[in-house]
Amino acid sequence: MYSTNTHSVADRIVSIHQPHVRPMVRGKLARKVEFGAKIHLSLVDRFSYLDTISWDAFHEGKAMMDYIEKFRLRFGHYPAEVLGDKAYCTRENRKTSNGLA
Protein backbone atom coordinates (compact mmCIF):
# COMPACT_ATOMS: atom_id res chain seq x y z
CA MET A 1 0.00 0.00 0.00
CA TYR A 2 2.86 2.36 0.77
CA SER A 3 4.64 1.83 -2.56
CA THR A 4 1.42 2.14 -4.62
CA ASN A 5 -0.02 5.00 -2.52
CA THR A 6 -3.38 3.21 -2.08
CA HIS A 7 -5.64 2.81 0.93
CA SER A 8 -7.26 -0.54 0.14
CA VAL A 9 -6.30 -4.01 -0.97
CA ALA A 10 -8.73 -6.45 -2.59
CA ASP A 11 -9.10 -9.73 -0.64
CA ARG A 12 -6.89 -8.37 2.13
CA ILE A 13 -5.88 -10.47 5.10
CA VAL A 14 -7.26 -8.96 8.29
CA SER A 15 -6.21 -11.70 10.68
CA ILE A 16 -3.26 -14.06 10.40
CA HIS A 17 -5.21 -16.60 12.50
CA GLN A 18 -8.36 -16.29 10.37
CA PRO A 19 -7.24 -15.18 6.89
CA HIS A 20 -10.69 -15.93 5.43
CA VAL A 21 -12.33 -13.22 7.58
CA ARG A 22 -12.48 -9.87 5.83
CA PRO A 23 -14.27 -6.64 6.70
CA MET A 24 -17.57 -5.89 4.98
CA VAL A 25 -18.58 -2.25 4.73
CA ARG A 26 -22.25 -2.21 5.71
CA GLY A 27 -23.07 1.48 6.06
CA LYS A 28 -25.04 1.01 9.27
CA LEU A 29 -25.16 3.77 11.85
CA ALA A 30 -23.83 1.75 14.78
CA ARG A 31 -21.07 -0.06 12.88
CA LYS A 32 -19.82 0.89 9.46
CA VAL A 33 -17.81 -2.33 9.12
CA GLU A 34 -18.70 -5.90 10.17
CA PHE A 35 -16.60 -9.05 10.23
CA GLY A 36 -17.56 -12.67 9.67
CA ALA A 37 -19.60 -14.72 7.25
CA LYS A 38 -22.99 -13.76 5.88
CA ILE A 39 -25.36 -16.70 5.83
CA HIS A 40 -28.87 -17.48 4.70
CA LEU A 41 -30.84 -20.10 6.61
CA SER A 42 -34.19 -21.60 5.81
CA LEU A 43 -36.09 -22.76 8.90
CA VAL A 44 -38.61 -25.53 8.27
CA ASP A 45 -40.29 -27.54 11.06
CA ARG A 46 -37.53 -26.65 13.55
CA PHE A 47 -34.81 -27.77 11.09
CA SER A 48 -32.43 -25.25 9.59
CA TYR A 49 -31.03 -25.50 6.07
CA LEU A 50 -27.94 -23.51 5.17
CA ASP A 51 -28.58 -22.09 1.70
CA THR A 52 -25.69 -19.63 1.48
CA ILE A 53 -22.48 -18.91 3.34
CA SER A 54 -20.18 -16.22 2.03
CA TRP A 55 -17.25 -14.27 3.38
CA ASP A 56 -17.92 -11.57 0.78
CA ALA A 57 -20.54 -8.86 0.99
CA PHE A 58 -23.71 -9.54 -1.00
CA HIS A 59 -27.28 -8.28 -1.03
CA GLU A 60 -29.59 -10.93 0.38
CA GLY A 61 -32.67 -9.59 -1.37
CA LYS A 62 -31.30 -10.28 -4.82
CA ALA A 63 -31.20 -14.02 -4.12
CA MET A 64 -34.62 -14.40 -2.45
CA MET A 65 -36.29 -16.05 -5.42
CA ASP A 66 -33.37 -18.50 -5.67
CA TYR A 67 -33.93 -19.44 -2.01
CA ILE A 68 -37.63 -19.98 -2.64
CA GLU A 69 -36.83 -22.16 -5.65
CA LYS A 70 -34.38 -24.19 -3.51
CA PHE A 71 -37.22 -24.73 -1.06
CA ARG A 72 -39.49 -26.00 -3.89
CA LEU A 73 -36.82 -28.40 -5.13
CA ARG A 74 -36.13 -29.63 -1.59
CA PHE A 75 -39.77 -30.15 -0.51
CA GLY A 76 -41.76 -30.40 -3.75
CA HIS A 77 -43.87 -27.27 -3.19
CA TYR A 78 -43.51 -23.57 -2.56
CA PRO A 79 -43.56 -22.31 1.04
CA ALA A 80 -46.90 -21.21 2.46
CA GLU A 81 -45.29 -17.96 3.59
CA VAL A 82 -41.92 -16.26 3.42
CA LEU A 83 -40.67 -14.14 6.31
CA GLY A 84 -37.73 -11.79 5.97
CA ASP A 85 -36.44 -8.41 6.95
CA LYS A 86 -36.37 -5.23 4.86
CA ALA A 87 -33.45 -6.48 2.76
CA TYR A 88 -35.81 -8.93 1.05
CA CYS A 89 -38.63 -6.43 0.38
CA THR A 90 -37.43 -5.19 -2.99
CA ARG A 91 -39.90 -4.17 -5.67
CA GLU A 92 -38.77 -7.05 -7.86
CA ASN A 93 -39.29 -9.63 -5.08
CA ARG A 94 -42.77 -8.31 -4.25
CA LYS A 95 -43.75 -8.35 -7.91
CA THR A 96 -42.43 -11.87 -8.52
CA SER A 97 -43.73 -13.42 -5.29
CA ASN A 98 -47.33 -12.37 -6.01
CA GLY A 99 -47.47 -15.05 -8.69
CA LEU A 100 -46.24 -17.87 -6.40
CA ALA A 101 -49.10 -19.36 -4.38
C-alpha atoms as a PDB file:
ATOM      1  CA  MET A   1       0.000   0.000   0.000  1.00  0.00           C
ATOM      2  CA  TYR A   2       2.855   2.356   0.765  1.00  0.00           C
ATOM      3  CA  SER A   3       4.639   1.827  -2.555  1.00  0.00           C
ATOM      4  CA  THR A   4       1.418   2.144  -4.623  1.00  0.00           C
ATOM      5  CA  ASN A   5      -0.022   4.998  -2.518  1.00  0.00           C
ATOM      6  CA  THR A   6      -3.382   3.214  -2.076  1.00  0.00           C
ATOM      7  CA  HIS A   7      -5.644   2.812   0.927  1.00  0.00           C
ATOM      8  CA  SER A   8      -7.258  -0.539   0.138  1.00  0.00           C
ATOM      9  CA  VAL A   9      -6.298  -4.015  -0.973  1.00  0.00           C
ATOM     10  CA  ALA A  10      -8.727  -6.453  -2.589  1.00  0.00           C
ATOM     11  CA  ASP A  11      -9.098  -9.729  -0.635  1.00  0.00           C
ATOM     12  CA  ARG A  12      -6.893  -8.368   2.128  1.00  0.00           C
ATOM     13  CA  ILE A  13      -5.881 -10.473   5.104  1.00  0.00           C
ATOM     14  CA  VAL A  14      -7.261  -8.961   8.291  1.00  0.00           C
ATOM     15  CA  SER A  15      -6.213 -11.698  10.682  1.00  0.00           C
ATOM     16  CA  ILE A  16      -3.260 -14.060  10.402  1.00  0.00           C
ATOM     17  CA  HIS A  17      -5.208 -16.597  12.504  1.00  0.00           C
ATOM     18  CA  GLN A  18      -8.357 -16.293  10.368  1.00  0.00           C
ATOM     19  CA  PRO A  19      -7.239 -15.182   6.886  1.00  0.00           C
ATOM     20  CA  HIS A  20     -10.690 -15.933   5.429  1.00  0.00           C
ATOM     21  CA  VAL A  21     -12.327 -13.220   7.580  1.00  0.00           C
ATOM     22  CA  ARG A  22     -12.482  -9.872   5.825  1.00  0.00           C
ATOM     23  CA  PRO A  23     -14.267  -6.645   6.696  1.00  0.00           C
ATOM     24  CA  MET A  24     -17.568  -5.893   4.982  1.00  0.00           C
ATOM     25  CA  VAL A  25     -18.577  -2.254   4.728  1.00  0.00           C
ATOM     26  CA  ARG A  26     -22.246  -2.207   5.706  1.00  0.00           C
ATOM     27  CA  GLY A  27     -23.073   1.477   6.062  1.00  0.00           C
ATOM     28  CA  LYS A  28     -25.040   1.005   9.274  1.00  0.00           C
ATOM     29  CA  LEU A  29     -25.155   3.769  11.851  1.00  0.00           C
ATOM     30  CA  ALA A  30     -23.831   1.751  14.783  1.00  0.00           C
ATOM     31  CA  ARG A  31     -21.072  -0.058  12.877  1.00  0.00           C
ATOM     32  CA  LYS A  32     -19.815   0.888   9.464  1.00  0.00           C
ATOM     33  CA  VAL A  33     -17.806  -2.335   9.120  1.00  0.00           C
ATOM     34  CA  GLU A  34     -18.697  -5.897  10.166  1.00  0.00           C
ATOM     35  CA  PHE A  35     -16.600  -9.050  10.230  1.00  0.00           C
ATOM     36  CA  GLY A  36     -17.562 -12.668   9.667  1.00  0.00           C
ATOM     37  CA  ALA A  37     -19.597 -14.719   7.254  1.00  0.00           C
ATOM     38  CA  LYS A  38     -22.989 -13.762   5.884  1.00  0.00           C
ATOM     39  CA  ILE A  39     -25.364 -16.703   5.825  1.00  0.00           C
ATOM     40  CA  HIS A  40     -28.874 -17.483   4.699  1.00  0.00           C
ATOM     41  CA  LEU A  41     -30.835 -20.103   6.613  1.00  0.00           C
ATOM     42  CA  SER A  42     -34.191 -21.604   5.808  1.00  0.00           C
ATOM     43  CA  LEU A  43     -36.088 -22.757   8.897  1.00  0.00           C
ATOM     44  CA  VAL A  44     -38.610 -25.531   8.272  1.00  0.00           C
ATOM     45  CA  ASP A  45     -40.291 -27.535  11.059  1.00  0.00           C
ATOM     46  CA  ARG A  46     -37.525 -26.654  13.546  1.00  0.00           C
ATOM     47  CA  PHE A  47     -34.811 -27.766  11.090  1.00  0.00           C
ATOM     48  CA  SER A  48     -32.425 -25.251   9.592  1.00  0.00           C
ATOM     49  CA  TYR A  49     -31.027 -25.503   6.067  1.00  0.00           C
ATOM     50  CA  LEU A  50     -27.937 -23.507   5.172  1.00  0.00           C
ATOM     51  CA  ASP A  51     -28.582 -22.094   1.702  1.00  0.00           C
ATOM     52  CA  THR A  52     -25.690 -19.631   1.484  1.00  0.00           C
ATOM     53  CA  ILE A  53     -22.482 -18.912   3.343  1.00  0.00           C
ATOM     54  CA  SER A  54     -20.183 -16.223   2.031  1.00  0.00           C
ATOM     55  CA  TRP A  55     -17.249 -14.271   3.379  1.00  0.00           C
ATOM     56  CA  ASP A  56     -17.923 -11.574   0.779  1.00  0.00           C
ATOM     57  CA  ALA A  57     -20.535  -8.859   0.991  1.00  0.00           C
ATOM     58  CA  PHE A  58     -23.708  -9.543  -1.000  1.00  0.00           C
ATOM     59  CA  HIS A  59     -27.280  -8.275  -1.031  1.00  0.00           C
ATOM     60  CA  GLU A  60     -29.594 -10.927   0.383  1.00  0.00           C
ATOM     61  CA  GLY A  61     -32.667  -9.588  -1.365  1.00  0.00           C
ATOM     62  CA  LYS A  62     -31.296 -10.279  -4.824  1.00  0.00           C
ATOM     63  CA  ALA A  63     -31.200 -14.021  -4.118  1.00  0.00           C
ATOM     64  CA  MET A  64     -34.621 -14.403  -2.452  1.00  0.00           C
ATOM     65  CA  MET A  65     -36.291 -16.050  -5.419  1.00  0.00           C
ATOM     66  CA  ASP A  66     -33.367 -18.498  -5.671  1.00  0.00           C
ATOM     67  CA  TYR A  67     -33.927 -19.436  -2.014  1.00  0.00           C
ATOM     68  CA  ILE A  68     -37.626 -19.977  -2.644  1.00  0.00           C
ATOM     69  CA  GLU A  69     -36.826 -22.160  -5.649  1.00  0.00           C
ATOM     70  CA  LYS A  70     -34.376 -24.192  -3.514  1.00  0.00           C
ATOM     71  CA  PHE A  71     -37.222 -24.732  -1.060  1.00  0.00           C
ATOM     72  CA  ARG A  72     -39.488 -26.002  -3.892  1.00  0.00           C
ATOM     73  CA  LEU A  73     -36.817 -28.398  -5.126  1.00  0.00           C
ATOM     74  CA  ARG A  74     -36.127 -29.628  -1.588  1.00  0.00           C
ATOM     75  CA  PHE A  75     -39.766 -30.153  -0.506  1.00  0.00           C
ATOM     76  CA  GLY A  76     -41.756 -30.403  -3.752  1.00  0.00           C
ATOM     77  CA  HIS A  77     -43.870 -27.271  -3.186  1.00  0.00           C
ATOM     78  CA  TYR A  78     -43.508 -23.572  -2.561  1.00  0.00           C
ATOM     79  CA  PRO A  79     -43.555 -22.314   1.039  1.00  0.00           C
ATOM     80  CA  ALA A  80     -46.895 -21.206   2.456  1.00  0.00           C
ATOM     81  CA  GLU A  81     -45.289 -17.962   3.589  1.00  0.00           C
ATOM     82  CA  VAL A  82     -41.917 -16.264   3.422  1.00  0.00           C
ATOM     83  CA  LEU A  83     -40.672 -14.137   6.305  1.00  0.00           C
ATOM     84  CA  GLY A  84     -37.734 -11.794   5.966  1.00  0.00           C
ATOM     85  CA  ASP A  85     -36.444  -8.406   6.948  1.00  0.00           C
ATOM     86  CA  LYS A  86     -36.372  -5.225   4.864  1.00  0.00           C
ATOM     87  CA  ALA A  87     -33.450  -6.475   2.759  1.00  0.00           C
ATOM     88  CA  TYR A  88     -35.814  -8.930   1.053  1.00  0.00           C
ATOM     89  CA  CYS A  89     -38.630  -6.432   0.376  1.00  0.00           C
ATOM     90  CA  THR A  90     -37.429  -5.192  -2.985  1.00  0.00           C
ATOM     91  CA  ARG A  91     -39.903  -4.175  -5.668  1.00  0.00           C
ATOM     92  CA  GLU A  92     -38.773  -7.051  -7.862  1.00  0.00           C
ATOM     93  CA  ASN A  93     -39.288  -9.626  -5.077  1.00  0.00           C
ATOM     94  CA  ARG A  94     -42.766  -8.309  -4.247  1.00  0.00           C
ATOM     95  CA  LYS A  95     -43.753  -8.347  -7.907  1.00  0.00           C
ATOM     96  CA  THR A  96     -42.434 -11.868  -8.524  1.00  0.00           C
ATOM     97  CA  SER A  97     -43.726 -13.415  -5.293  1.00  0.00           C
ATOM     98  CA  ASN A  98     -47.329 -12.369  -6.008  1.00  0.00           C
ATOM     99  CA  GLY A  99     -47.469 -15.045  -8.693  1.00  0.00           C
ATOM    100  CA  LEU A 100     -46.245 -17.865  -6.403  1.00  0.00           C
ATOM    101  CA  ALA A 101     -49.097 -19.361  -4.382  1.00  0.00           C
END
